[in-house]
Protein backbone atom coordinates (compact mmCIF):
# COMPACT_ATOMS: atom_id res chain seq x y z
CA MET A 1 0.05 -0.28 -0.38
CA TYR A 2 1.14 3.60 0.10
CA ASN A 3 4.12 4.13 -1.47
CA ARG A 4 7.24 6.67 -1.56
CA HIS A 5 9.61 6.87 -3.73
CA THR A 6 13.31 6.86 -4.61
CA SER A 7 11.60 10.37 -5.07
CA SER A 8 8.10 9.51 -7.11
CA GLY A 9 7.36 6.53 -4.80
CA PHE A 10 7.79 3.30 -6.77
CA GLY A 11 11.25 0.95 -6.58
CA LYS A 12 11.92 -2.49 -7.13
CA PRO A 13 9.96 -5.15 -5.12
CA ALA A 14 12.35 -7.56 -2.31
CA ALA A 15 12.31 -11.11 -1.87
CA ALA A 16 9.02 -12.04 -0.37
CA ALA A 17 8.84 -13.54 3.55
CA THR A 18 6.05 -14.58 5.86
CA PRO A 19 5.66 -13.46 8.82
CA GLY A 20 2.00 -15.17 9.89
CA PRO A 21 -0.49 -13.50 10.20
CA ALA A 22 -1.10 -14.89 13.97
CA THR A 23 1.65 -12.97 15.21
CA ALA A 24 1.55 -9.41 12.87
CA LYS A 25 -0.50 -7.97 15.26
CA PRO A 26 0.72 -4.54 17.66
CA LEU A 27 -0.24 -5.01 20.87
CA LYS A 28 -1.13 -1.21 21.85
CA ARG A 29 -1.48 2.19 20.30
CA PRO A 30 -0.21 5.28 21.45
CA THR A 31 -2.42 7.67 23.01
CA GLN A 32 -0.46 10.09 25.30
CA ALA A 33 2.08 12.22 23.23
CA ARG A 34 5.38 11.06 24.35
CA ALA A 35 3.86 7.45 23.59
CA VAL A 36 2.50 8.99 19.89
CA PHE A 37 6.54 10.63 20.00
CA THR A 38 8.23 7.22 20.83
CA VAL A 39 6.32 5.21 18.01
CA GLN A 40 6.88 7.60 15.48
CA ALA A 41 10.84 7.36 16.48
CA ILE A 42 10.85 3.21 16.07
CA TYR A 43 8.95 4.15 12.59
CA ASP A 44 11.67 6.49 11.81
CA ALA A 45 14.36 3.79 13.05
CA PHE A 46 12.40 0.54 11.27
CA VAL A 47 12.85 2.91 8.18
CA ARG A 48 16.01 3.37 7.90
CA ILE A 49 16.80 0.09 8.55
CA TRP A 50 14.78 -1.36 5.74
CA ARG A 51 16.40 1.22 2.86
CA ARG A 52 20.14 0.37 4.58
CA ASP A 53 19.58 -3.36 4.66
CA GLY A 54 15.70 -4.37 3.71
CA TRP A 55 13.96 -6.87 5.45
CA ALA A 56 16.37 -9.35 6.55
CA GLY A 57 18.22 -6.83 9.03
CA VAL A 58 14.91 -5.79 10.72
CA SER A 59 14.91 -6.98 13.80
CA THR A 60 12.95 -5.71 17.42
CA ARG A 61 16.47 -5.46 18.89
CA ALA A 62 17.99 -3.48 15.74
CA VAL A 63 14.87 -0.96 15.83
CA ALA A 64 15.66 -0.63 19.45
CA LEU A 65 19.47 -0.05 18.81
CA GLU A 66 18.50 2.18 15.94
CA THR A 67 16.06 4.00 18.10
CA GLY A 68 17.80 4.77 21.47
CA VAL A 69 14.67 3.15 23.18
CA SER A 70 15.25 -0.38 25.55
CA VAL A 71 13.60 -3.29 23.81
CA GLY A 72 11.10 -3.77 26.56
CA THR A 73 9.72 -0.33 25.89
CA LEU A 74 9.66 -1.55 21.85
CA TYR A 75 8.21 -4.87 22.98
CA ASP A 76 5.44 -3.04 24.73
CA TYR A 77 3.85 -2.19 21.45
CA PHE A 78 5.35 -4.57 18.80
CA PRO A 79 5.95 -8.27 19.96
CA ASN A 80 8.01 -8.86 16.68
CA LYS A 81 9.62 -7.22 13.62
CA ALA A 82 5.98 -8.40 11.90
CA ALA A 83 3.80 -6.76 14.39
CA LEU A 84 6.20 -3.09 13.61
CA LEU A 85 5.53 -3.96 10.18
CA SER A 86 1.94 -4.26 10.41
CA GLY A 87 1.87 -1.35 12.48
CA TYR A 88 4.10 0.88 10.43
CA VAL A 89 1.41 -0.17 7.16
CA ARG A 90 -1.65 1.04 9.14
CA HIS A 91 0.72 4.48 10.41
CA CYS A 92 0.84 4.97 6.09
CA MET A 93 -2.51 4.34 5.93
CA GLU A 94 -3.83 7.24 8.39
CA GLN A 95 -0.98 9.67 7.05
CA LEU A 96 -2.34 9.42 3.95
CA LEU A 97 -6.28 9.72 5.11
CA GLN A 98 -5.36 12.47 7.12
CA ALA A 99 -3.23 14.37 4.07
CA ILE A 100 -5.96 14.13 2.31
CA ALA A 101 -8.29 15.47 4.77
CA GLN A 102 -5.80 18.74 5.09
CA GLN A 103 -4.93 19.17 2.10
CA ALA A 104 -7.98 18.56 -0.29
CA VAL A 105 -11.52 18.85 1.81
CA ALA A 106 -10.43 21.80 4.69
CA PRO A 107 -8.99 24.32 2.83
CA PRO A 108 -12.50 26.40 2.29
CA ASP A 109 -11.34 28.36 -1.34
CA LEU A 110 -10.13 25.31 -3.92
CA SER A 111 -11.85 24.84 -6.56
CA TRP A 112 -13.18 21.20 -7.40
CA GLN A 113 -10.59 20.67 -9.85
CA VAL A 114 -7.66 21.66 -7.60
CA ARG A 115 -9.35 19.60 -5.05
CA LEU A 116 -9.61 16.59 -7.01
CA GLN A 117 -6.25 16.84 -8.60
CA THR A 118 -4.61 17.25 -5.02
CA LEU A 119 -6.60 13.99 -3.65
CA VAL A 120 -5.11 12.01 -6.93
CA ARG A 121 -1.72 13.36 -6.33
CA LEU A 122 -2.16 12.09 -2.90
CA THR A 123 -3.70 8.29 -3.89
CA CYS A 124 -1.17 7.71 -6.64
CA GLY A 125 2.08 8.59 -3.71
CA VAL A 126 3.82 10.73 -6.80
CA HIS A 127 5.90 13.57 -5.15
CA THR A 128 4.37 13.42 -1.86
CA PRO A 129 7.31 13.95 0.44
CA GLU A 130 4.73 15.17 3.90
CA LEU A 131 3.85 10.84 3.43
CA PRO A 132 5.57 7.79 5.29
CA TRP A 133 8.30 5.79 3.35
CA PHE A 134 6.57 3.05 1.66
CA ASP A 135 8.25 0.70 -1.38
CA ALA A 136 7.28 -2.28 -3.20
CA GLY A 137 9.61 -4.57 -0.99
CA MET A 138 7.26 -3.37 1.89
CA LEU A 139 4.24 -4.39 -0.18
CA ALA A 140 5.94 -7.86 -1.21
CA GLN A 141 5.84 -8.32 2.81
CA GLU A 142 2.49 -6.95 2.90
CA ALA A 143 1.34 -10.11 1.79
CA GLY A 144 2.46 -12.02 4.55
CA ILE A 145 0.45 -9.98 7.10
CA ALA A 146 -2.78 -8.51 5.50
CA GLU A 147 -5.94 -10.39 5.36
CA ALA A 148 -9.24 -9.97 3.22
CA LYS A 149 -10.88 -7.93 5.65
CA HIS A 150 -7.96 -5.46 5.96
CA HIS A 151 -8.02 -4.90 2.15
CA ARG A 152 -11.28 -3.98 2.60
CA ARG A 153 -11.12 -1.92 5.07
CA VAL A 154 -8.47 0.16 3.64
CA HIS A 155 -10.83 0.16 0.49
CA GLU A 156 -13.70 1.68 2.36
CA GLU A 157 -12.00 4.15 4.91
CA LEU A 158 -10.30 5.39 1.66
CA LEU A 159 -13.47 5.72 -0.86
CA ALA A 160 -14.88 7.45 1.89
CA ALA A 161 -12.07 9.69 2.13
CA TRP A 162 -12.72 10.40 -1.91
CA VAL A 163 -16.49 10.80 -1.09
CA GLN A 164 -15.96 13.72 0.93
CA VAL A 165 -13.82 15.33 -1.18
CA PHE A 166 -16.49 15.48 -3.43
CA ASP A 167 -18.88 16.04 -0.46
CA VAL A 168 -16.95 19.63 -0.18
CA CYS A 169 -16.78 20.45 -4.09
CA HIS A 170 -19.77 22.71 -3.79
CA ASP A 171 -18.87 24.40 -7.13
CA LEU A 172 -18.55 20.47 -9.15
CA PRO A 173 -20.42 20.67 -12.51
CA THR A 174 -22.35 17.79 -11.89
CA ARG A 175 -21.94 15.41 -8.43
CA PRO A 176 -20.57 12.46 -9.62
CA SER A 177 -22.08 9.20 -8.76
CA ALA A 178 -21.03 7.02 -6.02
CA GLU A 179 -20.10 4.34 -8.76
CA ALA A 180 -18.13 6.57 -10.28
CA ILE A 181 -16.04 7.32 -7.02
CA GLN A 182 -16.10 4.15 -6.76
CA ALA A 183 -14.41 3.25 -9.93
CA MET A 184 -11.93 6.42 -10.13
CA HIS A 185 -10.76 5.31 -6.37
CA LEU A 186 -9.57 1.67 -7.42
CA SER A 187 -8.27 2.94 -10.86
CA VAL A 188 -6.44 5.05 -9.26
CA TRP A 189 -5.55 3.26 -5.63
CA GLY A 190 -4.85 -0.35 -7.72
CA GLY A 191 -2.90 1.48 -10.09
CA ARG A 192 -0.49 2.66 -7.60
CA ARG A 193 0.05 -0.80 -6.13
CA TYR A 194 0.42 -2.29 -9.33
CA GLY A 195 3.33 0.17 -10.07
CA LEU A 196 5.20 -0.63 -7.02
CA LEU A 197 4.61 -4.49 -7.81
CA ILE A 198 6.27 -3.86 -11.63
CA GLY A 199 8.53 -1.38 -10.70
CA LEU A 200 7.49 1.67 -12.58
CA THR A 201 10.77 4.18 -12.69
CA GLU A 202 9.82 7.52 -11.08
CA ALA A 203 9.27 9.63 -14.95
CA GLU A 204 7.18 6.41 -15.74
CA ALA A 205 5.16 6.92 -12.16
CA ALA A 206 5.05 10.72 -12.74
CA GLN A 207 3.68 9.90 -16.23
CA TRP A 208 0.78 7.66 -14.84
CA ALA A 209 0.18 9.93 -12.24
CA MET A 210 -0.16 12.87 -14.49
CA HIS A 211 -3.02 11.05 -16.65
CA MET A 212 -5.07 9.66 -14.10
CA GLU A 213 -5.38 13.55 -12.84
CA ARG A 214 -6.53 14.03 -16.25
CA LEU A 215 -8.62 10.97 -16.78
CA CYS A 216 -10.53 11.93 -13.53
CA LEU A 217 -11.07 15.53 -14.29
CA ALA A 218 -12.66 14.01 -17.84
CA LEU A 219 -15.29 12.25 -15.72
CA VAL A 220 -16.25 14.77 -13.41
CA ARG A 221 -16.42 17.35 -16.48
CA GLU A 222 -18.38 14.31 -19.05
CA GLY A 223 -20.81 13.74 -15.84
């Protein structure tokens, strides 16, 4: 899910492992400010190790050492590296949803074209330095921890975000149907994941994202 770059966010696949769904659950979510800061530091260390050494280099001990927190503190949240990956994937989704809300929904004076272009850009994951890193190797590992119900939940949450963007587009020529909104969402989100899978280059990803913007804009204009 969710990529980030080499700059565009698309990278080359890494060999997949099988973490095992039964063990791939964080123990708890941070709620207090200090805990949120600690978990963010853990995620940052996880990404640094991932980009340097790949999945094989990730371990709870290595992440604890990289972060500077105790292994016991890390285990309070993540009992193993599969749970850490699971928590990080969820973090990527939450950050994407937050970015959509802040950039495509909340601003009061955007035209519908700008809102839709922003939504598509964020969902494509191209030119999005504000979003967490996610690459093809992480997508490969995701297959070992994500169940069908997890994919369904992500689909529903992202689709709801797309609907919310259209809800605040008061200058639309014609509001797209629910089926058209879902088709746009599935085209962009599915294309992003497949682009990661086949290893699109940065330039190819940018071209794809540009054409997805044009297709979505044309679909709305045509009604």
